[in-house]
Amino acid sequence: MRSPGGWAKPFRTLLKVLNTDPDVDAWVQDIDLLGTHLHVFAHQFFNNAMLDGMCHILVDHPDTYNLPNLAAQKAAGPRPFMKMFKVDDVAAAYDQYVGGDTKTVHVRIRSQRAERDGFKEVLWNQMRVIEIDPTKTSGIVQLWEQKATSGGSNWDFMGETPLNNMAEVPFVTMYAGEKEADYLVRPVFIDLAYKQIEHWIRFGHDVAEQILDRRRRILSFAPASIFAYVRWAANDFGTVVSRIDILRAVRPGEAFSTVPYVRPGGEILLRLSGWPKVERVLQAVDAVEQLGIDPVDACPDHWRQLHNRLSSGEAPRAYTLDRHRAWLLRRRIDA
């Protein structure tokens, strides 16, 4: 968008919706049922799309399937809300041409949950499958789970919920980069290399390097090795996006999660965005190095608990020499 003096900064002023409906005003104040204002939500949506080339929104609704009748559903006061998903949160999405219109009929969304097991935390990969038959305006939502340390074992079916009176999955994608196919886009920053963008490896031992030009190179990592990948972008007003991923390179045939600029992907031990959280992770990496330990050799569970605790606003546990010795003994026994 242009102003008389040049390019304007998006979202400089608070986004407003002109209406006289108090229900809509309440919706604007809390767009995701987590207390997020529509302005903040839209700003994050825009930033994510600019960084990765696209970003997704799923319009969800509280479950009223078990309520006995329409009166009970109205009394419960449910309303739609929005969920934002980044590129690496969506495993697959498929559109279908129906009646002269393109409809999204299948979406698979990945997530994770943590489960406490004594003094340890067990991480589970989750996959939610949303599928609609547009000819019947009905569908299903399925939940599948897989233990994150299973090494690519089969997924376990956890449950299924029916969907009624839906002609398509309410799934919306914003394409900021050049669209090459459905849900495949060339990130906009690839063609804007002169912008303030940095991608770097915070730790990790590469086994091969391919230099593309003065600014770009491709690094390869051995299967099962661990590395930290940082992405940062800024404009004239400051930092726009900052992210860090700590990944384990997968072996052939193992399940993996896709991550922008990482091919084919990896097992995610930690994935956080926003400079305050990224800074905490970088400080934690520094703390491991100050113990005289290469972060590559640290226990993977340390990065998992760091992800879980920072994501939930809790203080992470520090890595210690005793914990490291215990991990080395456990690794030797499992070998």
Protein backbone atom coordinates (compact mmCIF):
# COMPACT_ATOMS: atom_id res chain seq x y z
CA MET A 1 0.00 0.00 0.00
CA ARG A 2 1.30 3.47 -0.86
CA SER A 3 1.14 6.76 1.00
CA PRO A 4 2.08 10.19 -0.44
CA GLY A 5 5.50 9.89 1.21
CA GLY A 6 6.23 6.35 0.00
CA TRP A 7 5.44 2.91 1.32
CA ALA A 8 3.17 2.75 4.38
CA LYS A 9 3.70 0.27 7.20
CA PRO A 10 0.88 -2.28 7.36
CA PHE A 11 -0.95 -2.45 10.69
CA ARG A 12 0.44 0.85 11.92
CA THR A 13 -3.03 1.83 13.16
CA LEU A 14 -5.48 -0.42 14.95
CA LEU A 15 -7.70 -2.44 12.65
CA LYS A 16 -11.38 -1.56 13.18
CA VAL A 17 -14.64 -3.10 12.00
CA LEU A 18 -17.43 -0.57 11.49
CA ASN A 19 -20.68 -2.14 12.70
CA THR A 20 -23.45 -1.77 15.28
CA ASP A 21 -23.59 -5.41 16.36
CA PRO A 22 -22.15 -5.96 19.86
CA ASP A 23 -21.61 -9.65 19.07
CA VAL A 24 -19.29 -8.69 16.22
CA ASP A 25 -17.43 -6.28 18.51
CA ALA A 26 -16.86 -9.12 20.99
CA TRP A 27 -15.68 -11.32 18.13
CA VAL A 28 -13.14 -8.67 17.04
CA GLN A 29 -11.80 -8.40 20.60
CA ASP A 30 -11.31 -12.19 20.85
CA ILE A 31 -10.94 -13.72 17.40
CA ASP A 32 -9.51 -17.08 18.49
CA LEU A 33 -11.14 -17.61 21.92
CA LEU A 34 -7.67 -17.09 23.39
CA GLY A 35 -8.04 -13.35 23.93
CA THR A 36 -6.32 -12.28 20.68
CA HIS A 37 -7.58 -9.07 19.06
CA LEU A 38 -8.35 -9.26 15.34
CA HIS A 39 -5.63 -6.66 14.65
CA VAL A 40 -2.92 -8.74 16.35
CA PHE A 41 -4.17 -11.92 14.70
CA ALA A 42 -4.17 -10.32 11.24
CA HIS A 43 -0.69 -8.87 11.79
CA GLN A 44 0.71 -12.29 12.71
CA PHE A 45 -1.08 -13.84 9.74
CA PHE A 46 0.48 -11.28 7.39
CA ASN A 47 3.99 -11.71 8.84
CA ASN A 48 3.87 -15.50 8.60
CA ALA A 49 2.69 -15.34 5.00
CA MET A 50 5.46 -12.91 4.09
CA LEU A 51 8.13 -15.13 5.65
CA ASP A 52 7.00 -18.53 4.34
CA GLY A 53 5.12 -17.44 1.22
CA MET A 54 1.71 -18.43 2.61
CA CYS A 55 -0.22 -18.93 5.84
CA HIS A 56 -3.50 -20.66 6.66
CA ILE A 57 -6.64 -20.04 8.74
CA LEU A 58 -9.14 -22.68 9.82
CA VAL A 59 -12.52 -21.40 10.96
CA ASP A 60 -13.46 -23.72 13.81
CA HIS A 61 -16.51 -24.02 16.04
CA PRO A 62 -17.05 -25.40 19.54
CA ASP A 63 -18.31 -28.98 19.50
CA THR A 64 -22.12 -29.10 19.88
CA TYR A 65 -22.57 -32.62 18.57
CA ASN A 66 -23.42 -34.07 21.99
CA LEU A 67 -25.98 -31.39 22.89
CA PRO A 68 -29.53 -32.85 22.72
CA ASN A 69 -31.28 -30.23 20.59
CA LEU A 70 -31.07 -26.83 18.90
CA ALA A 71 -32.30 -25.02 22.01
CA ALA A 72 -29.46 -26.48 24.05
CA GLN A 73 -26.97 -25.49 21.38
CA LYS A 74 -28.23 -21.89 21.38
CA ALA A 75 -28.16 -21.78 25.18
CA ALA A 76 -24.50 -22.86 25.14
CA GLY A 77 -23.71 -19.75 23.09
CA PRO A 78 -21.09 -21.26 20.76
CA ARG A 79 -19.58 -19.09 18.06
CA PRO A 80 -17.01 -19.58 15.30
CA PHE A 81 -13.37 -18.78 16.00
CA MET A 82 -10.20 -18.74 13.95
CA LYS A 83 -7.09 -20.87 14.21
CA MET A 84 -3.89 -19.86 12.45
CA PHE A 85 -1.54 -22.48 10.98
CA LYS A 86 1.93 -21.89 9.56
CA VAL A 87 3.29 -23.73 6.54
CA ASP A 88 4.94 -26.49 8.56
CA ASP A 89 1.77 -27.08 10.61
CA VAL A 90 -0.17 -28.31 7.56
CA ALA A 91 0.83 -31.77 6.35
CA ALA A 92 -1.52 -31.75 3.35
CA ALA A 93 -4.51 -29.95 1.87
CA TYR A 94 -6.56 -30.82 -1.20
CA ASP A 95 -9.08 -28.83 -3.23
CA GLN A 96 -11.82 -30.11 -5.51
CA TYR A 97 -13.70 -28.39 -8.31
CA VAL A 98 -17.39 -28.67 -7.44
CA GLY A 99 -20.29 -26.97 -9.23
CA GLY A 100 -18.16 -24.26 -10.78
CA ASP A 101 -16.33 -23.47 -7.55
CA THR A 102 -13.13 -24.68 -5.90
CA LYS A 103 -13.69 -26.17 -2.46
CA THR A 104 -11.21 -27.47 0.12
CA VAL A 105 -12.24 -31.05 0.88
CA HIS A 106 -9.32 -32.51 2.85
CA VAL A 107 -6.85 -31.00 5.35
CA ARG A 108 -4.29 -32.67 7.60
CA ILE A 109 -2.94 -30.57 10.47
CA ARG A 110 0.00 -31.65 12.61
CA SER A 111 0.60 -30.71 16.24
CA GLN A 112 2.23 -32.11 19.36
CA ARG A 113 1.29 -32.71 22.97
CA ALA A 114 3.41 -33.44 26.04
CA GLU A 115 2.62 -36.10 28.62
CA ARG A 116 4.33 -36.33 32.00
CA ASP A 117 5.88 -39.71 32.81
CA GLY A 118 7.41 -39.47 36.26
CA PHE A 119 10.29 -37.02 35.94
CA LYS A 120 10.30 -37.20 32.17
CA GLU A 121 8.11 -35.63 29.52
CA VAL A 122 6.92 -37.80 26.65
CA LEU A 123 6.17 -35.98 23.40
CA TRP A 124 3.41 -37.21 21.07
CA ASN A 125 2.95 -36.21 17.44
CA GLN A 126 -0.68 -35.56 16.57
CA MET A 127 -2.40 -35.47 13.19
CA ARG A 128 -5.93 -34.11 12.76
CA VAL A 129 -7.62 -35.14 9.53
CA ILE A 130 -10.58 -33.05 8.35
CA GLU A 131 -12.43 -34.42 5.34
CA ILE A 132 -15.66 -33.31 3.68
CA ASP A 133 -17.78 -34.97 1.00
CA PRO A 134 -19.18 -31.91 -0.83
CA THR A 135 -21.89 -33.99 -2.53
CA LYS A 136 -23.31 -34.95 0.88
CA THR A 137 -22.35 -31.79 2.87
CA SER A 138 -20.98 -34.02 5.62
CA GLY A 139 -17.61 -35.25 6.78
CA ILE A 140 -15.39 -36.32 9.65
CA VAL A 141 -12.62 -35.10 11.93
CA GLN A 142 -10.14 -37.78 12.96
CA LEU A 143 -7.31 -37.68 15.49
CA TRP A 144 -4.20 -39.84 15.09
CA GLU A 145 -1.20 -40.01 17.40
CA GLN A 146 2.37 -41.25 17.20
CA LYS A 147 5.07 -41.25 19.87
CA ALA A 148 7.64 -38.65 18.82
CA THR A 149 10.55 -40.98 19.62
CA SER A 150 9.07 -43.94 17.75
CA GLY A 151 11.37 -43.47 14.76
CA GLY A 152 8.55 -43.36 12.23
CA SER A 153 6.28 -46.13 13.51
CA ASN A 154 2.63 -46.41 12.53
CA TRP A 155 0.08 -43.87 13.71
CA ASP A 156 -2.58 -44.90 16.26
CA PHE A 157 -6.20 -43.94 15.61
CA MET A 158 -7.59 -42.05 18.64
CA GLY A 159 -11.12 -41.08 17.65
CA GLU A 160 -13.52 -39.58 15.13
CA THR A 161 -16.18 -36.87 15.20
CA PRO A 162 -18.82 -36.42 12.47
CA LEU A 163 -19.39 -33.11 10.65
CA ASN A 164 -22.80 -32.15 9.29
CA ASN A 165 -24.13 -29.35 7.06
CA MET A 166 -20.69 -28.46 5.70
CA ALA A 167 -20.06 -28.25 1.97
CA GLU A 168 -16.31 -27.68 2.36
CA VAL A 169 -13.55 -27.41 4.95
CA PRO A 170 -13.52 -23.77 6.17
CA PHE A 171 -9.83 -23.45 5.39
CA VAL A 172 -8.41 -20.21 3.94
CA THR A 173 -4.90 -19.64 2.60
CA MET A 174 -3.15 -16.33 2.04
CA TYR A 175 -0.53 -16.53 -0.72
CA ALA A 176 2.13 -13.84 -0.35
CA GLY A 177 4.71 -15.40 -2.67
CA GLU A 178 4.46 -16.66 -6.23
CA LYS A 179 1.93 -19.52 -6.33
CA GLU A 180 3.40 -22.46 -8.23
CA ALA A 181 0.54 -24.92 -7.53
CA ASP A 182 -2.17 -25.48 -4.94
CA TYR A 183 -0.53 -25.02 -1.53
CA LEU A 184 2.90 -24.72 -3.14
CA VAL A 185 4.45 -21.28 -3.24
CA ARG A 186 7.80 -19.64 -3.81
CA PRO A 187 8.54 -17.61 -0.63
CA VAL A 188 8.62 -13.92 -1.39
CA PHE A 189 11.93 -13.33 0.37
CA ILE A 190 13.77 -15.65 -2.00
CA ASP A 191 13.47 -12.93 -4.64
CA LEU A 192 14.19 -10.11 -2.16
CA ALA A 193 17.66 -11.10 -1.03
CA TYR A 194 18.65 -7.49 -0.50
CA LYS A 195 16.17 -7.25 2.39
CA GLN A 196 17.30 -7.70 5.99
CA ILE A 197 16.99 -11.48 6.13
CA GLU A 198 19.28 -13.98 7.80
CA HIS A 199 19.13 -17.78 7.99
CA TRP A 200 21.90 -19.49 9.90
CA ILE A 201 22.86 -22.68 11.73
CA ARG A 202 23.36 -21.97 15.43
CA PHE A 203 24.89 -25.38 16.07
CA GLY A 204 25.36 -28.62 14.17
CA HIS A 205 28.08 -30.48 12.25
CA ASP A 206 27.48 -30.50 8.52
CA VAL A 207 28.99 -33.27 6.39
CA ALA A 208 28.78 -31.44 3.06
CA GLU A 209 28.53 -27.86 1.82
CA GLN A 210 27.44 -26.51 -1.55
CA ILE A 211 28.11 -22.81 -2.17
CA LEU A 212 25.49 -21.23 -4.42
CA ASP A 213 26.72 -17.62 -4.37
CA ARG A 214 28.20 -15.06 -1.99
CA ARG A 215 25.10 -15.07 0.22
CA ARG A 216 23.76 -18.62 -0.03
CA ARG A 217 24.97 -22.14 0.61
CA ILE A 218 23.40 -25.55 1.15
CA LEU A 219 24.50 -27.67 4.13
CA SER A 220 23.92 -31.40 4.51
CA PHE A 221 23.69 -33.25 7.83
CA ALA A 222 24.18 -36.92 8.60
CA PRO A 223 21.12 -38.98 9.61
CA ALA A 224 20.33 -38.79 13.36
CA SER A 225 22.48 -35.67 13.82
CA ILE A 226 20.98 -32.66 15.59
CA PHE A 227 21.21 -29.04 14.48
CA ALA A 228 19.63 -25.67 15.26
CA TYR A 229 18.28 -23.52 12.43
CA VAL A 230 17.48 -19.82 12.97
CA ARG A 231 15.45 -17.57 10.67
CA TRP A 232 15.29 -13.81 11.15
CA ALA A 233 13.84 -10.97 9.08
CA ALA A 234 13.53 -7.24 9.72
CA ASN A 235 12.42 -4.05 8.03
CA ASP A 236 12.99 -0.38 8.68
CA PHE A 237 10.89 -0.55 11.83
CA GLY A 238 12.68 -3.48 13.47
CA THR A 239 12.38 -7.25 13.66
CA VAL A 240 9.48 -8.70 11.68
CA VAL A 241 9.98 -12.43 12.23
CA SER A 242 12.36 -14.54 14.29
CA ARG A 243 12.19 -18.33 14.58
CA ILE A 244 14.34 -21.20 15.73
CA ASP A 245 14.01 -24.92 15.00
CA ILE A 246 16.11 -27.63 16.64
CA LEU A 247 15.86 -30.67 14.41
CA ARG A 248 17.12 -34.23 14.17
CA ALA A 249 18.03 -35.30 10.65
CA VAL A 250 15.94 -38.37 9.82
CA ARG A 251 17.09 -41.70 8.45
CA PRO A 252 15.65 -43.05 5.19
CA GLY A 253 12.10 -44.27 5.71
CA GLU A 254 11.53 -42.38 8.98
CA ALA A 255 8.60 -40.03 9.43
CA PHE A 256 9.46 -36.34 9.41
CA SER A 257 7.93 -32.89 9.64
CA THR A 258 8.41 -30.35 6.88
CA VAL A 259 10.25 -27.14 7.74
CA PRO A 260 10.74 -24.22 5.33
CA TYR A 261 14.13 -24.37 3.58
CA VAL A 262 14.93 -27.81 5.06
CA ARG A 263 14.73 -30.75 2.68
CA PRO A 264 13.14 -33.16 3.12
CA GLY A 265 12.45 -32.13 6.73
CA GLY A 266 13.33 -33.49 10.15
CA GLU A 267 12.13 -34.59 13.55
CA ILE A 268 11.25 -31.42 15.43
CA LEU A 269 12.70 -31.29 18.93
CA LEU A 270 11.99 -27.59 19.40
CA ARG A 271 10.13 -25.03 17.31
CA LEU A 272 9.52 -21.52 18.64
CA SER A 273 8.89 -18.10 17.14
CA GLY A 274 8.96 -14.56 18.46
CA TRP A 275 12.17 -12.89 19.57
CA PRO A 276 11.61 -13.22 23.38
CA LYS A 277 11.31 -17.02 23.09
CA VAL A 278 14.05 -17.33 20.47
CA GLU A 279 16.36 -15.32 22.72
CA ARG A 280 15.62 -17.67 25.64
CA VAL A 281 16.51 -20.65 23.46
CA LEU A 282 19.77 -19.05 22.31
CA GLN A 283 20.63 -18.34 25.95
CA ALA A 284 19.93 -22.00 26.78
CA VAL A 285 22.28 -23.08 23.98
CA ASP A 286 24.94 -20.75 25.37
CA ALA A 287 24.44 -22.28 28.83
CA VAL A 288 25.05 -25.80 27.46
CA GLU A 289 28.24 -24.63 25.75
CA GLN A 290 29.44 -22.98 28.97
CA LEU A 291 29.37 -26.44 30.57
CA GLY A 292 31.90 -27.55 27.97
CA ILE A 293 29.27 -29.63 26.15
CA ASP A 294 28.62 -29.47 22.41
CA PRO A 295 24.84 -28.79 22.04
CA VAL A 296 24.79 -31.48 19.34
CA ASP A 297 25.61 -34.07 22.02
CA ALA A 298 23.08 -32.81 24.59
CA CYS A 299 20.13 -35.03 25.45
CA PRO A 300 17.31 -34.47 22.90
CA ASP A 301 14.79 -34.49 25.76
CA HIS A 302 16.38 -31.24 26.99
CA TRP A 303 15.33 -29.45 23.80
CA ARG A 304 11.86 -31.02 23.99
CA GLN A 305 11.24 -29.82 27.56
CA LEU A 306 12.63 -26.40 26.59
CA HIS A 307 10.04 -26.24 23.79
CA ASN A 308 7.18 -27.39 26.03
CA ARG A 309 7.96 -25.09 28.93
CA LEU A 310 8.63 -21.95 26.91
CA SER A 311 5.49 -22.61 24.86
CA SER A 312 3.40 -22.80 28.04
CA GLY A 313 5.10 -19.84 29.76
CA GLU A 314 6.92 -21.94 32.35
CA ALA A 315 10.58 -21.68 33.36
CA PRO A 316 12.65 -24.37 31.61
CA ARG A 317 14.92 -26.74 33.50
CA ALA A 318 18.64 -26.06 33.19
CA TYR A 319 20.93 -28.63 31.64
CA THR A 320 23.53 -29.96 34.08
CA LEU A 321 26.63 -32.13 33.96
CA ASP A 322 24.80 -34.81 35.95
CA ARG A 323 21.96 -34.91 33.43
CA HIS A 324 24.48 -35.09 30.60
CA ARG A 325 26.32 -38.02 32.21
CA ALA A 326 23.00 -39.82 32.70
CA TRP A 327 22.15 -39.25 29.02
CA LEU A 328 25.52 -40.60 27.86
CA LEU A 329 25.03 -43.74 29.98
CA ARG A 330 21.51 -44.22 28.63
CA ARG A 331 22.72 -43.77 25.06
CA ARG A 332 25.49 -46.30 25.63
CA ILE A 333 23.01 -48.86 27.00
CA ASP A 334 20.57 -48.33 24.11
CA ALA A 335 23.32 -48.66 21.49
